[in-house]
Amino acid sequence: MVDEAAVREALVEVEDPEMNISVIDLGLIYAVRIDGDHAEIDMTLTSPGCPVAPELMAAVHRAALATDGLESVHVNLTFSPPWDPKVHATEDGKFELGVF
């Protein structure tokens, strides 16, 4: 059975192409819900006008779908709450962004 940790581990490989930092370390992945062999992922972007939104969402979808045991993935884009690196980024992400 697939769990949230396995999906999040797969998503570590996905980097924001403008920042070259993992979507996990940036804190762009708000939620991962598993229902059998399906995953629902709530994610955000660093800004609502992010020019790489479709590319980044597709990369998250592909990486999650590669998780053993998943047959389908749906990526939901949300801007609520707005992304704030001081709140959402991991310690590694904050370090890479220079946010303390």
Protein backbone atom coordinates (compact mmCIF):
# COMPACT_ATOMS: atom_id res chain seq x y z
CA MET A 1 0.00 0.00 0.00
CA VAL A 2 1.23 3.48 -0.88
CA ASP A 3 1.65 6.07 1.83
CA GLU A 4 2.11 9.82 1.86
CA ALA A 5 5.79 9.55 2.76
CA ALA A 6 6.54 7.51 -0.38
CA VAL A 7 4.87 10.09 -2.60
CA ARG A 8 6.66 12.98 -0.88
CA GLU A 9 9.95 11.12 -1.29
CA ALA A 10 9.29 10.83 -5.04
CA LEU A 11 8.52 14.56 -5.21
CA VAL A 12 11.90 15.52 -3.72
CA GLU A 13 13.31 14.97 -7.21
CA VAL A 14 11.07 17.70 -8.70
CA GLU A 15 12.76 21.09 -8.68
CA ASP A 16 11.31 24.49 -9.37
CA PRO A 17 13.05 25.26 -12.70
CA GLU A 18 13.56 28.91 -11.82
CA MET A 19 15.05 28.31 -8.36
CA ASN A 20 16.57 24.83 -8.73
CA ILE A 21 15.17 23.87 -5.33
CA SER A 22 12.94 20.87 -4.65
CA VAL A 23 9.19 21.51 -4.47
CA ILE A 24 9.32 19.70 -1.12
CA ASP A 25 12.05 21.97 0.28
CA LEU A 26 10.24 25.04 -1.05
CA GLY A 27 7.09 23.87 0.73
CA LEU A 28 5.00 23.98 -2.44
CA ILE A 29 3.31 20.66 -1.66
CA TYR A 30 0.55 21.43 0.84
CA ALA A 31 -1.09 18.00 1.06
CA VAL A 32 -0.88 14.45 -0.24
CA ARG A 33 -3.93 12.25 0.22
CA ILE A 34 -3.92 8.57 -0.71
CA ASP A 35 -7.05 6.59 -1.52
CA GLY A 36 -6.07 3.06 -2.51
CA ASP A 37 -4.01 3.41 -5.70
CA HIS A 38 -4.93 7.08 -6.26
CA ALA A 39 -3.18 10.19 -4.92
CA GLU A 40 -4.55 13.72 -4.62
CA ILE A 41 -1.84 16.35 -4.31
CA ASP A 42 -2.51 19.95 -3.31
CA MET A 43 0.27 22.25 -4.38
CA THR A 44 0.93 25.93 -4.79
CA LEU A 45 3.42 28.08 -6.64
CA THR A 46 5.85 30.72 -5.46
CA SER A 47 3.62 33.32 -7.15
CA PRO A 48 0.19 33.21 -8.81
CA GLY A 49 1.70 34.41 -12.10
CA CYS A 50 4.42 31.75 -12.18
CA PRO A 51 5.29 31.22 -15.86
CA VAL A 52 6.29 27.58 -15.34
CA ALA A 53 3.07 26.49 -13.61
CA PRO A 54 2.00 23.91 -16.22
CA GLU A 55 5.53 22.48 -16.47
CA LEU A 56 5.91 22.23 -12.70
CA MET A 57 2.47 20.65 -12.19
CA ALA A 58 3.23 18.10 -14.92
CA ALA A 59 6.57 17.25 -13.29
CA VAL A 60 4.84 16.73 -9.92
CA HIS A 61 2.25 14.51 -11.61
CA ARG A 62 4.91 12.39 -13.37
CA ALA A 63 7.05 11.98 -10.27
CA ALA A 64 4.13 11.01 -8.06
CA LEU A 65 2.77 8.57 -10.65
CA ALA A 66 6.14 6.80 -10.66
CA THR A 67 5.56 5.83 -7.01
CA ASP A 68 5.11 2.06 -6.73
CA GLY A 69 1.48 1.18 -6.19
CA LEU A 70 -0.08 4.34 -7.61
CA GLU A 71 -2.27 4.03 -10.69
CA SER A 72 -3.55 7.60 -10.84
CA VAL A 73 -2.64 11.05 -9.56
CA HIS A 74 -4.48 14.34 -9.59
CA VAL A 75 -2.65 17.59 -8.87
CA ASN A 76 -4.76 20.42 -7.49
CA LEU A 77 -3.38 23.95 -7.71
CA THR A 78 -4.25 26.23 -4.81
CA PHE A 79 -3.20 29.65 -3.61
CA SER A 80 -4.81 29.35 -0.21
CA PRO A 81 -2.94 29.95 1.92
CA PRO A 82 -0.52 32.07 -0.09
CA TRP A 83 2.98 30.61 -0.21
CA ASP A 84 5.37 32.09 2.33
CA PRO A 85 8.89 30.64 2.47
CA LYS A 86 9.20 31.51 6.16
CA VAL A 87 6.15 29.35 6.88
CA HIS A 88 6.18 26.62 4.24
CA ALA A 89 9.81 25.93 3.28
CA THR A 90 11.83 23.25 5.06
CA GLU A 91 14.96 24.25 6.95
CA ASP A 92 17.03 23.20 3.91
CA GLY A 93 14.78 25.25 1.65
CA LYS A 94 15.04 28.31 3.87
CA PHE A 95 18.82 27.97 3.85
CA GLU A 96 18.92 27.71 0.04
CA LEU A 97 16.61 30.72 -0.27
CA GLY A 98 18.56 32.72 2.29
CA VAL A 99 15.47 33.05 4.51
CA PHE A 100 16.12 32.87 8.24
